[in-house]
Every structure is written in C-alpha cells, then in structure tokens.
Amino acid sequence: MQEFLLILKGDGMNHLSPNELQGILEDYKSWVGELGEDYLGGQRLEENGALLRSKNDAILTDGPFLESKEIIAGFFLIQAKNQKEANAIALSSPHLGLYSIEVRPIAFPKMS
C-alpha cells in the first residue's frame, strides 16, 4: 500500500448553515468509517498563518495568501494500492463539490 495526501482547496464550508455543517460532519464520519484502516488521518486548517520564503527573511507574511479557491482548507492522509484507487477514494469524499481535492502520492515510505 502507498500513502497519499488528499489536499482540500477552497472555502466551501464557510458558506454553509449550521444544519448543513452538521450534515457534512455526519457524512464525513460515515466516509471515514467506510475507509477503515485506509484512513490514516486528517485535519481542517485555519485560514491564518505565515508564509516564509527563506531563512534570511526578516519579514513574515501573514495569511491568507491566495484567492479563496486556492486556499488549502484541510487534508486527509490515506493509503491505497495505487493512484487510481486513491483517486476513487477522493471521488467518494463528501467534501468533493464543496472543495476541489488534489491527490498526491507521498514520495517516501514511512520511517520506522
């Protein structure tokens, strides 16, 4: 099995009502349950942060840094047999439609 990072981009949940948010949360819990051991983790990210370009920079840029459609809203770490299976997992996510999802393979295996 290979690890993949599913990167959620956009501001999809910022426009939902509390009831809609609750529905997405329930769908998310079901989706994670269906993935079982193939779900390795994930988190929603805050919109604020800092952008550093080099160690010599004395000035930090406070975020958000991009247009709302490009903001990284969160991520999931999954395992799958290959890119095709990872893409299928991303397509099954309840977040697709609210966010775009970029699927990227992890370059190096886990260190023991």
PDB file of N, CA and C in Angstrom:
ATOM      1  N   MET A   1       0.840  -1.187   0.000  1.00  0.00           N
ATOM      2  CA  MET A   1       0.000   0.000   0.000  1.00  0.00           C
ATOM      3  C   MET A   1       0.881   1.245   0.000  1.00  0.00           C
ATOM      4  N   GLN A   2       0.402   2.261  -0.665  1.00  0.00           N
ATOM      5  CA  GLN A   2       1.105   3.534  -0.751  1.00  0.00           C
ATOM      6  C   GLN A   2       0.278   4.608  -0.050  1.00  0.00           C
ATOM      7  N   GLU A   3       0.958   5.594   0.526  1.00  0.00           N
ATOM      8  CA  GLU A   3       0.257   6.693   1.182  1.00  0.00           C
ATOM      9  C   GLU A   3       0.035   7.842   0.206  1.00  0.00           C
ATOM     10  N   PHE A   4      -1.122   8.508   0.365  1.00  0.00           N
ATOM     11  CA  PHE A   4      -1.500   9.640  -0.474  1.00  0.00           C
ATOM     12  C   PHE A   4      -2.032  10.757   0.408  1.00  0.00           C
ATOM     13  N   LEU A   5      -1.760  11.981  -0.006  1.00  0.00           N
ATOM     14  CA  LEU A   5      -2.298  13.155   0.665  1.00  0.00           C
ATOM     15  C   LEU A   5      -3.421  13.716  -0.191  1.00  0.00           C
ATOM     16  N   LEU A   6      -4.603  13.841   0.394  1.00  0.00           N
ATOM     17  CA  LEU A   6      -5.731  14.483  -0.277  1.00  0.00           C
ATOM     18  C   LEU A   6      -5.783  15.908   0.249  1.00  0.00           C
ATOM     19  N   ILE A   7      -5.551  16.873  -0.626  1.00  0.00           N
ATOM     20  CA  ILE A   7      -5.475  18.279  -0.238  1.00  0.00           C
ATOM     21  C   ILE A   7      -6.777  18.960  -0.634  1.00  0.00           C
ATOM     22  N   LEU A   8      -7.512  19.461   0.346  1.00  0.00           N
ATOM     23  CA  LEU A   8      -8.782  20.145   0.092  1.00  0.00           C
ATOM     24  C   LEU A   8      -8.517  21.623  -0.138  1.00  0.00           C
ATOM     25  N   LYS A   9      -8.991  22.133  -1.279  1.00  0.00           N
ATOM     26  CA  LYS A   9      -8.763  23.538  -1.629  1.00  0.00           C
ATOM     27  C   LYS A   9     -10.088  24.254  -1.816  1.00  0.00           C
ATOM     28  N   GLY A  10     -10.167  25.472  -1.288  1.00  0.00           N
ATOM     29  CA  GLY A  10     -11.360  26.291  -1.436  1.00  0.00           C
ATOM     30  C   GLY A  10     -11.886  26.739  -0.091  1.00  0.00           C
ATOM     31  N   ASP A  11     -13.034  27.379  -0.121  1.00  0.00           N
ATOM     32  CA  ASP A  11     -13.660  27.853   1.120  1.00  0.00           C
ATOM     33  C   ASP A  11     -15.077  27.322   1.235  1.00  0.00           C
ATOM     34  N   GLY A  12     -15.296  26.108   0.772  1.00  0.00           N
ATOM     35  CA  GLY A  12     -16.621  25.518   0.654  1.00  0.00           C
ATOM     36  C   GLY A  12     -17.481  25.512   1.894  1.00  0.00           C
ATOM     37  N   MET A  13     -16.921  25.262   3.060  1.00  0.00           N
ATOM     38  CA  MET A  13     -17.748  25.148   4.261  1.00  0.00           C
ATOM     39  C   MET A  13     -18.022  26.494   4.909  1.00  0.00           C
ATOM     40  N   ASN A  14     -17.369  27.550   4.433  1.00  0.00           N
ATOM     41  CA  ASN A  14     -17.577  28.875   5.024  1.00  0.00           C
ATOM     42  C   ASN A  14     -18.959  29.435   4.744  1.00  0.00           C
ATOM     43  N   HIS A  15     -19.668  28.874   3.780  1.00  0.00           N
ATOM     44  CA  HIS A  15     -20.962  29.421   3.366  1.00  0.00           C
ATOM     45  C   HIS A  15     -22.142  28.534   3.770  1.00  0.00           C
ATOM     46  N   LEU A  16     -21.884  27.534   4.608  1.00  0.00           N
ATOM     47  CA  LEU A  16     -22.944  26.599   4.982  1.00  0.00           C
ATOM     48  C   LEU A  16     -23.623  27.018   6.282  1.00  0.00           C
ATOM     49  N   SER A  17     -24.889  26.652   6.389  1.00  0.00           N
ATOM     50  CA  SER A  17     -25.633  26.885   7.629  1.00  0.00           C
ATOM     51  C   SER A  17     -25.190  25.855   8.670  1.00  0.00           C
ATOM     52  N   PRO A  18     -25.506  26.076   9.948  1.00  0.00           N
ATOM     53  CA  PRO A  18     -25.173  25.084  10.975  1.00  0.00           C
ATOM     54  C   PRO A  18     -25.759  23.700  10.672  1.00  0.00           C
ATOM     55  N   ASN A  19     -26.981  23.640  10.148  1.00  0.00           N
ATOM     56  CA  ASN A  19     -27.582  22.345   9.808  1.00  0.00           C
ATOM     57  C   ASN A  19     -26.826  21.661   8.676  1.00  0.00           C
ATOM     58  N   GLU A  20     -26.419  22.446   7.683  1.00  0.00           N
ATOM     59  CA  GLU A  20     -25.646  21.880   6.573  1.00  0.00           C
ATOM     60  C   GLU A  20     -24.285  21.385   7.057  1.00  0.00           C
ATOM     61  N   LEU A  21     -23.660  22.135   7.955  1.00  0.00           N
ATOM     62  CA  LEU A  21     -22.383  21.711   8.531  1.00  0.00           C
ATOM     63  C   LEU A  21     -22.529  20.405   9.295  1.00  0.00           C
ATOM     64  N   GLN A  22     -23.610  20.276  10.053  1.00  0.00           N
ATOM     65  CA  GLN A  22     -23.858  19.045  10.801  1.00  0.00           C
ATOM     66  C   GLN A  22     -24.027  17.865   9.851  1.00  0.00           C
ATOM     67  N   GLY A  23     -24.729  18.080   8.743  1.00  0.00           N
ATOM     68  CA  GLY A  23     -24.909  17.021   7.751  1.00  0.00           C
ATOM     69  C   GLY A  23     -23.594  16.580   7.135  1.00  0.00           C
ATOM     70  N   ILE A  24     -22.736  17.545   6.820  1.00  0.00           N
ATOM     71  CA  ILE A  24     -21.419  17.220   6.267  1.00  0.00           C
ATOM     72  C   ILE A  24     -20.594  16.438   7.288  1.00  0.00           C
ATOM     73  N   LEU A  25     -20.668  16.825   8.554  1.00  0.00           N
ATOM     74  CA  LEU A  25     -19.938  16.121   9.606  1.00  0.00           C
ATOM     75  C   LEU A  25     -20.395  14.671   9.707  1.00  0.00           C
ATOM     76  N   GLU A  26     -21.689  14.438   9.645  1.00  0.00           N
ATOM     77  CA  GLU A  26     -22.209  13.066   9.689  1.00  0.00           C
ATOM     78  C   GLU A  26     -21.750  12.267   8.467  1.00  0.00           C
ATOM     79  N   ASP A  27     -21.803  12.890   7.282  1.00  0.00           N
ATOM     80  CA  ASP A  27     -21.328  12.225   6.060  1.00  0.00           C
ATOM     81  C   ASP A  27     -19.842  11.902   6.167  1.00  0.00           C
ATOM     82  N   TYR A  28     -19.078  12.819   6.730  1.00  0.00           N
ATOM     83  CA  TYR A  28     -17.640  12.630   6.911  1.00  0.00           C
ATOM     84  C   TYR A  28     -17.364  11.443   7.831  1.00  0.00           C
ATOM     85  N   LYS A  29     -18.081  11.358   8.956  1.00  0.00           N
ATOM     86  CA  LYS A  29     -17.895  10.242   9.887  1.00  0.00           C
ATOM     87  C   LYS A  29     -18.194   8.911   9.210  1.00  0.00           C
ATOM     88  N   SER A  30     -19.243   8.863   8.408  1.00  0.00           N
ATOM     89  CA  SER A  30     -19.586   7.637   7.681  1.00  0.00           C
ATOM     90  C   SER A  30     -18.495   7.283   6.679  1.00  0.00           C
ATOM     91  N   TRP A  31     -18.000   8.287   5.952  1.00  0.00           N
ATOM     92  CA  TRP A  31     -16.960   8.074   4.946  1.00  0.00           C
ATOM     93  C   TRP A  31     -15.692   7.522   5.588  1.00  0.00           C
ATOM     94  N   VAL A  32     -15.280   8.104   6.716  1.00  0.00           N
ATOM     95  CA  VAL A  32     -14.095   7.623   7.430  1.00  0.00           C
ATOM     96  C   VAL A  32     -14.317   6.185   7.899  1.00  0.00           C
ATOM     97  N   GLY A  33     -15.516   5.887   8.388  1.00  0.00           N
ATOM     98  CA  GLY A  33     -15.830   4.529   8.812  1.00  0.00           C
ATOM     99  C   GLY A  33     -15.727   3.533   7.673  1.00  0.00           C
ATOM    100  N   GLU A  34     -16.184   3.923   6.487  1.00  0.00           N
ATOM    101  CA  GLU A  34     -16.099   3.052   5.313  1.00  0.00           C
ATOM    102  C   GLU A  34     -14.650   2.827   4.888  1.00  0.00           C
ATOM    103  N   LEU A  35     -13.803   3.830   5.046  1.00  0.00           N
ATOM    104  CA  LEU A  35     -12.394   3.685   4.667  1.00  0.00           C
ATOM    105  C   LEU A  35     -11.644   2.766   5.622  1.00  0.00           C
ATOM    106  N   GLY A  36     -12.082   2.707   6.866  1.00  0.00           N
ATOM    107  CA  GLY A  36     -11.436   1.830   7.839  1.00  0.00           C
ATOM    108  C   GLY A  36      -9.955   2.153   8.009  1.00  0.00           C
ATOM    109  N   GLU A  37      -9.107   1.128   7.900  1.00  0.00           N
ATOM    110  CA  GLU A  37      -7.670   1.300   8.111  1.00  0.00           C
ATOM    111  C   GLU A  37      -6.985   2.086   6.996  1.00  0.00           C
ATOM    112  N   ASP A  38      -7.677   2.313   5.879  1.00  0.00           N
ATOM    113  CA  ASP A  38      -7.085   3.100   4.788  1.00  0.00           C
ATOM    114  C   ASP A  38      -7.093   4.595   5.095  1.00  0.00           C
ATOM    115  N   TYR A  39      -7.869   5.013   6.093  1.00  0.00           N
ATOM    116  CA  TYR A  39      -7.866   6.407   6.553  1.00  0.00           C
ATOM    117  C   TYR A  39      -6.789   6.531   7.623  1.00  0.00           C
ATOM    118  N   LEU A  40      -5.781   7.353   7.368  1.00  0.00           N
ATOM    119  CA  LEU A  40      -4.669   7.484   8.300  1.00  0.00           C
ATOM    120  C   LEU A  40      -4.729   8.764   9.126  1.00  0.00           C
ATOM    121  N   GLY A  41      -5.564   9.718   8.716  1.00  0.00           N
ATOM    122  CA  GLY A  41      -5.693  10.952   9.483  1.00  0.00           C
ATOM    123  C   GLY A  41      -6.098  12.116   8.607  1.00  0.00           C
ATOM    124  N   GLY A  42      -6.333  13.240   9.244  1.00  0.00           N
ATOM    125  CA  GLY A  42      -6.698  14.442   8.514  1.00  0.00           C
ATOM    126  C   GLY A  42      -7.088  15.546   9.468  1.00  0.00           C
ATOM    127  N   GLN A  43      -7.037  16.774   8.971  1.00  0.00           N
ATOM    128  CA  GLN A  43      -7.387  17.928   9.789  1.00  0.00           C
ATOM    129  C   GLN A  43      -7.880  19.062   8.913  1.00  0.00           C
ATOM    130  N   ARG A  44      -8.718  19.894   9.493  1.00  0.00           N
ATOM    131  CA  ARG A  44      -9.103  21.164   8.873  1.00  0.00           C
ATOM    132  C   ARG A  44      -8.043  22.179   9.275  1.00  0.00           C
ATOM    133  N   LEU A  45      -7.692  23.080   8.376  1.00  0.00           N
ATOM    134  CA  LEU A  45      -6.661  24.071   8.664  1.00  0.00           C
ATOM    135  C   LEU A  45      -7.281  25.447   8.883  1.00  0.00           C
ATOM    136  N   GLU A  46      -6.660  26.233   9.738  1.00  0.00           N
ATOM    137  CA  GLU A  46      -7.044  27.625   9.938  1.00  0.00           C
ATOM    138  C   GLU A  46      -6.649  28.416   8.693  1.00  0.00           C
ATOM    139  N   GLU A  47      -7.349  29.506   8.430  1.00  0.00           N
ATOM    140  CA  GLU A  47      -7.014  30.333   7.273  1.00  0.00           C
ATOM    141  C   GLU A  47      -5.800  31.216   7.527  1.00  0.00           C
ATOM    142  N   ASN A  48      -5.505  31.519   8.783  1.00  0.00           N
ATOM    143  CA  ASN A  48      -4.358  32.374   9.071  1.00  0.00           C
ATOM    144  C   ASN A  48      -3.092  31.531   9.175  1.00  0.00           C
ATOM    145  N   GLY A  49      -1.952  32.178   9.145  1.00  0.00           N
ATOM    146  CA  GLY A  49      -0.669  31.501   9.223  1.00  0.00           C
ATOM    147  C   GLY A  49       0.420  32.449   8.785  1.00  0.00           C
ATOM    148  N   ALA A  50       1.557  31.920   8.435  1.00  0.00           N
ATOM    149  CA  ALA A  50       2.677  32.736   7.977  1.00  0.00           C
ATOM    150  C   ALA A  50       3.303  32.080   6.763  1.00  0.00           C
ATOM    151  N   LEU A  51       3.789  32.896   5.851  1.00  0.00           N
ATOM    152  CA  LEU A  51       4.471  32.426   4.655  1.00  0.00           C
ATOM    153  C   LEU A  51       5.921  32.866   4.738  1.00  0.00           C
ATOM    154  N   LEU A  52       6.839  31.905   4.782  1.00  0.00           N
ATOM    155  CA  LEU A  52       8.274  32.183   4.864  1.00  0.00           C
ATOM    156  C   LEU A  52       8.907  31.749   3.550  1.00  0.00           C
ATOM    157  N   ARG A  53       9.741  32.580   2.984  1.00  0.00           N
ATOM    158  CA  ARG A  53      10.367  32.260   1.696  1.00  0.00           C
ATOM    159  C   ARG A  53      11.838  31.879   1.835  1.00  0.00           C
ATOM    160  N   SER A  54      12.512  32.345   2.879  1.00  0.00           N
ATOM    161  CA  SER A  54      13.905  31.953   3.107  1.00  0.00           C
ATOM    162  C   SER A  54      14.254  32.200   4.567  1.00  0.00           C
ATOM    163  N   LYS A  55      15.325  31.599   5.009  1.00  0.00           N
ATOM    164  CA  LYS A  55      15.763  31.774   6.393  1.00  0.00           C
ATOM    165  C   LYS A  55      16.238  33.193   6.665  1.00  0.00           C
ATOM    166  N   ASN A  56      16.612  33.910   5.632  1.00  0.00           N
ATOM    167  CA  ASN A  56      17.136  35.266   5.792  1.00  0.00           C
ATOM    168  C   ASN A  56      16.051  36.334   5.832  1.00  0.00           C
ATOM    169  N   ASP A  57      14.805  35.961   5.543  1.00  0.00           N
ATOM    170  CA  ASP A  57      13.718  36.943   5.554  1.00  0.00           C
ATOM    171  C   ASP A  57      13.441  37.411   6.979  1.00  0.00           C
ATOM    172  N   ALA A  58      13.455  38.703   7.167  1.00  0.00           N
ATOM    173  CA  ALA A  58      13.128  39.261   8.475  1.00  0.00           C
ATOM    174  C   ALA A  58      11.634  39.515   8.596  1.00  0.00           C
ATOM    175  N   ILE A  59      10.929  39.554   7.455  1.00  0.00           N
ATOM    176  CA  ILE A  59       9.505  39.872   7.453  1.00  0.00           C
ATOM    177  C   ILE A  59       8.709  38.612   7.147  1.00  0.00           C
ATOM    178  N   LEU A  60       7.712  38.359   7.940  1.00  0.00           N
ATOM    179  CA  LEU A  60       6.792  37.256   7.709  1.00  0.00           C
ATOM    180  C   LEU A  60       5.538  37.817   7.073  1.00  0.00           C
ATOM    181  N   THR A  61       4.982  37.088   6.141  1.00  0.00           N
ATOM    182  CA  THR A  61       3.715  37.490   5.544  1.00  0.00           C
ATOM    183  C   THR A  61       2.609  36.723   6.238  1.00  0.00           C
ATOM    184  N   ASP A  62       1.658  37.426   6.814  1.00  0.00           N
ATOM    185  CA  ASP A  62       0.528  36.771   7.456  1.00  0.00           C
ATOM    186  C   ASP A  62      -0.516  36.439   6.410  1.00  0.00           C
ATOM    187  N   GLY A  63      -1.184  35.266   6.558  1.00  0.00           N
ATOM    188  CA  GLY A  63      -2.155  34.801   5.573  1.00  0.00           C
ATOM    189  C   GLY A  63      -3.537  35.348   5.833  1.00  0.00           C
ATOM    190  N   PRO A  64      -4.536  35.008   5.038  1.00  0.00           N
ATOM    191  CA  PRO A  64      -4.426  34.046   3.936  1.00  0.00           C
ATOM    192  C   PRO A  64      -3.627  34.606   2.762  1.00  0.00           C
ATOM    193  N   PHE A  65      -3.105  33.684   1.962  1.00  0.00           N
ATOM    194  CA  PHE A  65      -2.131  34.045   0.955  1.00  0.00           C
ATOM    195  C   PHE A  65      -2.659  33.988  -0.466  1.00  0.00           C
ATOM    196  N   LEU A  66      -3.726  33.300  -0.691  1.00  0.00           N
ATOM    197  CA  LEU A  66      -4.208  33.041  -2.039  1.00  0.00           C
ATOM    198  C   LEU A  66      -5.667  33.429  -2.179  1.00  0.00           C
ATOM    199  N   GLU A  67      -6.156  33.360  -3.404  1.00  0.00           N
ATOM    200  CA  GLU A  67      -7.583  33.527  -3.628  1.00  0.00           C
ATOM    201  C   GLU A  67      -8.316  32.406  -2.909  1.00  0.00           C
ATOM    202  N   SER A  68      -9.567  32.634  -2.564  1.00  0.00           N
ATOM    203  CA  SER A  68     -10.315  31.650  -1.778  1.00  0.00           C
ATOM    204  C   SER A  68     -10.390  30.294  -2.457  1.00  0.00           C
ATOM    205  N   LYS A  69     -10.420  30.231  -3.782  1.00  0.00           N
ATOM    206  CA  LYS A  69     -10.497  28.940  -4.470  1.00  0.00           C
ATOM    207  C   LYS A  69      -9.204  28.148  -4.345  1.00  0.00           C
ATOM    208  N   GLU A  70      -8.102  28.817  -3.946  1.00  0.00           N
ATOM    209  CA  GLU A  70      -6.813  28.154  -3.840  1.00  0.00           C
ATOM    210  C   GLU A  70      -6.384  27.905  -2.400  1.00  0.00           C
ATOM    211  N   ILE A  71      -7.140  28.393  -1.427  1.00  0.00           N
ATOM    212  CA  ILE A  71      -6.785  28.208  -0.022  1.00  0.00           C
ATOM    213  C   ILE A  71      -6.805  26.721   0.310  1.00  0.00           C
ATOM    214  N   ILE A  72      -5.751  26.258   0.980  1.00  0.00           N
ATOM    215  CA  ILE A  72      -5.738  24.875   1.444  1.00  0.00           C
ATOM    216  C   ILE A  72      -6.542  24.838   2.734  1.00  0.00           C
ATOM    217  N   ALA A  73      -7.700  24.201   2.663  1.00  0.00           N
ATOM    218  CA  ALA A  73      -8.641  24.192   3.780  1.00  0.00           C
ATOM    219  C   ALA A  73      -8.388  23.039   4.740  1.00  0.00           C
ATOM    220  N   GLY A  74      -7.767  21.981   4.247  1.00  0.00           N
ATOM    221  CA  GLY A  74      -7.520  20.820   5.080  1.00  0.00           C
ATOM    222  C   GLY A  74      -6.878  19.717   4.274  1.00  0.00           C
ATOM    223  N   PHE A  75      -6.702  18.583   4.932  1.00  0.00           N
ATOM    224  CA  PHE A  75      -6.067  17.455   4.258  1.00  0.00           C
ATOM    225  C   PHE A  75      -6.527  16.147   4.883  1.00  0.00           C
ATOM    226  N   PHE A  76      -6.385  15.093   4.106  1.00  0.00           N
ATOM    227  CA  PHE A  76      -6.566  13.726   4.589  1.00  0.00           C
ATOM    228  C   PHE A  76      -5.340  12.938   4.172  1.00  0.00           C
ATOM    229  N   LEU A  77      -4.901  12.046   5.016  1.00  0.00           N
ATOM    230  CA  LEU A  77      -3.842  11.108   4.680  1.00  0.00           C
ATOM    231  C   LEU A  77      -4.493   9.737   4.584  1.00  0.00           C
ATOM    232  N   ILE A  78      -4.327   9.100   3.432  1.00  0.00           N
ATOM    233  CA  ILE A  78      -4.935   7.788   3.208  1.00  0.00           C
ATOM    234  C   ILE A  78      -3.874   6.826   2.687  1.00  0.00           C
ATOM    235  N   GLN A  79      -4.233   5.565   2.640  1.00  0.00           N
ATOM    236  CA  GLN A  79      -3.407   4.588   1.942  1.00  0.00           C
ATOM    237  C   GLN A  79      -4.261   3.914   0.885  1.00  0.00           C
ATOM    238  N   ALA A  80      -3.624   3.603  -0.235  1.00  0.00           N
ATOM    239  CA  ALA A  80      -4.315   2.973  -1.354  1.00  0.00           C
ATOM    240  C   ALA A  80      -3.303   2.143  -2.137  1.00  0.00           C
ATOM    241  N   LYS A  81      -3.823   1.242  -2.969  1.00  0.00           N
ATOM    242  CA  LYS A  81      -2.938   0.383  -3.768  1.00  0.00           C
ATOM    243  C   LYS A  81      -2.157   1.179  -4.800  1.00  0.00           C
ATOM    244  N   ASN A  82      -2.799   2.207  -5.373  1.00  0.00           N
ATOM    245  CA  ASN A  82      -2.176   2.972  -6.451  1.00  0.00           C
ATOM    246  C   ASN A  82      -2.919   4.302  -6.617  1.00  0.00           C
ATOM    247  N   GLN A  83      -2.457   5.108  -7.568  1.00  0.00           N
ATOM    248  CA  GLN A  83      -3.063   6.424  -7.813  1.00  0.00           C
ATOM    249  C   GLN A  83      -4.534   6.294  -8.197  1.00  0.00           C
ATOM    250  N   LYS A  84      -4.847   5.294  -8.997  1.00  0.00           N
ATOM    251  CA  LYS A  84      -6.233   5.110  -9.445  1.00  0.00           C
ATOM    252  C   LYS A  84      -7.162   4.877  -8.252  1.00  0.00           C
ATOM    253  N   GLU A  85      -6.747   4.020  -7.330  1.00  0.00           N
ATOM    254  CA  GLU A  85      -7.571   3.758  -6.148  1.00  0.00           C
ATOM    255  C   GLU A  85      -7.651   4.997  -5.250  1.00  0.00           C
ATOM    256  N   ALA A  86      -6.553   5.732  -5.117  1.00  0.00           N
ATOM    257  CA  ALA A  86      -6.568   6.962  -4.316  1.00  0.00           C
ATOM    258  C   ALA A  86      -7.524   7.985  -4.924  1.00  0.00           C
ATOM    259  N   ASN A  87      -7.526   8.091  -6.252  1.00  0.00           N
ATOM    260  CA  ASN A  87      -8.464   8.999  -6.925  1.00  0.00           C
ATOM    261  C   ASN A  87      -9.905   8.587  -6.655  1.00  0.00           C
ATOM    262  N   ALA A  88     -10.171   7.276  -6.668  1.00  0.00           N
ATOM    263  CA  ALA A  88     -11.523   6.779  -6.400  1.00  0.00           C
ATOM    264  C   ALA A  88     -11.948   7.120  -4.970  1.00  0.00           C
ATOM    265  N   ILE A  89     -11.026   7.015  -4.029  1.00  0.00           N
ATOM    266  CA  ILE A  89     -11.329   7.378  -2.645  1.00  0.00           C
ATOM    267  C   ILE A  89     -11.668   8.865  -2.563  1.00  0.00           C
ATOM    268  N   ALA A  90     -10.880   9.697  -3.237  1.00  0.00           N
ATOM    269  CA  ALA A  90     -11.152  11.142  -3.245  1.00  0.00           C
ATOM    270  C   ALA A  90     -12.513  11.434  -3.865  1.00  0.00           C
ATOM    271  N   LEU A  91     -12.849  10.725  -4.931  1.00  0.00           N
ATOM    272  CA  LEU A  91     -14.151  10.926  -5.581  1.00  0.00           C
ATOM    273  C   LEU A  91     -15.312  10.559  -4.668  1.00  0.00           C
ATOM    274  N   SER A  92     -15.072   9.661  -3.712  1.00  0.00           N
ATOM    275  CA  SER A  92     -16.135   9.242  -2.792  1.00  0.00           C
ATOM    276  C   SER A  92     -16.272  10.178  -1.588  1.00  0.00           C
ATOM    277  N   SER A  93     -15.373  11.146  -1.451  1.00  0.00           N
ATOM    278  CA  SER A  93     -15.378  12.043  -0.293  1.00  0.00           C
ATOM    279  C   SER A  93     -16.601  12.954  -0.295  1.00  0.00           C
ATOM    280  N   PRO A  94     -17.251  13.117   0.858  1.00  0.00           N
ATOM    281  CA  PRO A  94     -18.377  14.053   0.946  1.00  0.00           C
ATOM    282  C   PRO A  94     -17.933  15.510   0.786  1.00  0.00           C
ATOM    283  N   HIS A  95     -16.651  15.758   0.824  1.00  0.00           N
ATOM    284  CA  HIS A  95     -16.134  17.119   0.681  1.00  0.00           C
ATOM    285  C   HIS A  95     -16.019  17.546  -0.776  1.00  0.00           C
ATOM    286  N   LEU A  96     -15.999  16.591  -1.699  1.00  0.00           N
ATOM    287  CA  LEU A  96     -15.893  16.933  -3.113  1.00  0.00           C
ATOM    288  C   LEU A  96     -17.159  17.661  -3.539  1.00  0.00           C
ATOM    289  N   GLY A  97     -16.997  18.756  -4.197  1.00  0.00           N
ATOM    290  CA  GLY A  97     -18.120  19.628  -4.538  1.00  0.00           C
ATOM    291  C   GLY A  97     -18.070  20.889  -3.693  1.00  0.00           C
ATOM    292  N   LEU A  98     -17.809  20.722  -2.390  1.00  0.00           N
ATOM    293  CA  LEU A  98     -17.553  21.881  -1.529  1.00  0.00           C
ATOM    294  C   LEU A  98     -16.129  22.374  -1.749  1.00  0.00           C
ATOM    295  N   TYR A  99     -15.239  21.443  -1.982  1.00  0.00           N
ATOM    296  CA  TYR A  99     -13.828  21.725  -2.207  1.00  0.00           C
ATOM    297  C   TYR A  99     -13.373  20.986  -3.451  1.00  0.00           C
ATOM    298  N   SER A 100     -12.295  21.469  -4.044  1.00  0.00           N
ATOM    299  CA  SER A 100     -11.586  20.637  -5.006  1.00  0.00           C
ATOM    300  C   SER A 100     -10.608  19.802  -4.180  1.00  0.00           C
ATOM    301  N   ILE A 101     -10.275  18.627  -4.675  1.00  0.00           N
ATOM    302  CA  ILE A 101      -9.374  17.744  -3.941  1.00  0.00           C
ATOM    303  C   ILE A 101      -8.210  17.369  -4.851  1.00  0.00           C
ATOM    304  N   GLU A 102      -7.016  17.711  -4.407  1.00  0.00           N
ATOM    305  CA  GLU A 102      -5.797  17.325  -5.111  1.00  0.00           C
ATOM    306  C   GLU A 102      -5.280  16.050  -4.467  1.00  0.00           C
ATOM    307  N   VAL A 103      -4.948  15.049  -5.269  1.00  0.00           N
ATOM    308  CA  VAL A 103      -4.479  13.753  -4.770  1.00  0.00           C
ATOM    309  C   VAL A 103      -2.998  13.633  -5.112  1.00  0.00           C
ATOM    310  N   ARG A 104      -2.158  13.534  -4.074  1.00  0.00           N
ATOM    311  CA  ARG A 104      -0.710  13.480  -4.285  1.00  0.00           C
ATOM    312  C   ARG A 104      -0.121  12.278  -3.558  1.00  0.00           C
ATOM    313  N   PRO A 105       0.694  11.474  -4.257  1.00  0.00           N
ATOM    314  CA  PRO A 105       1.374  10.368  -3.583  1.00  0.00           C
ATOM    315  C   PRO A 105       2.474  10.899  -2.661  1.00  0.00           C
ATOM    316  N   ILE A 106       2.659  10.226  -1.543  1.00  0.00           N
ATOM    317  CA  ILE A 106       3.756  10.549  -0.638  1.00  0.00           C
ATOM    318  C   ILE A 106       5.025   9.962  -1.251  1.00  0.00           C
ATOM    319  N   ALA A 107       6.074  10.765  -1.345  1.00  0.00           N
ATOM    320  CA  ALA A 107       7.277  10.371  -2.074  1.00  0.00           C
ATOM    321  C   ALA A 107       8.087   9.280  -1.379  1.00  0.00           C
ATOM    322  N   PHE A 108       8.143   9.310  -0.071  1.00  0.00           N
ATOM    323  CA  PHE A 108       8.973   8.358   0.648  1.00  0.00           C
ATOM    324  C   PHE A 108       8.121   7.528   1.594  1.00  0.00           C
ATOM    325  N   PRO A 109       8.481   6.263   1.766  1.00  0.00           N
ATOM    326  CA  PRO A 109       7.725   5.437   2.720  1.00  0.00           C
ATOM    327  C   PRO A 109       7.959   5.919   4.154  1.00  0.00           C
ATOM    328  N   LYS A 110       7.084   5.468   5.048  1.00  0.00           N
ATOM    329  CA  LYS A 110       7.212   5.825   6.462  1.00  0.00           C
ATOM    330  C   LYS A 110       8.562   5.374   6.999  1.00  0.00           C
ATOM    331  N   MET A 111       9.128   6.196   7.874  1.00  0.00           N
ATOM    332  CA  MET A 111      10.370   5.818   8.542  1.00  0.00           C
ATOM    333  C   MET A 111      10.014   5.065   9.810  1.00  0.00           C
ATOM    334  N   SER A 112      10.690   3.983  10.046  1.00  0.00           N
ATOM    335  CA  SER A 112      10.411   3.180  11.244  1.00  0.00           C
ATOM    336  C   SER A 112      11.190   3.674  12.422  1.00  0.00           C
TER     337      SER A 112
END
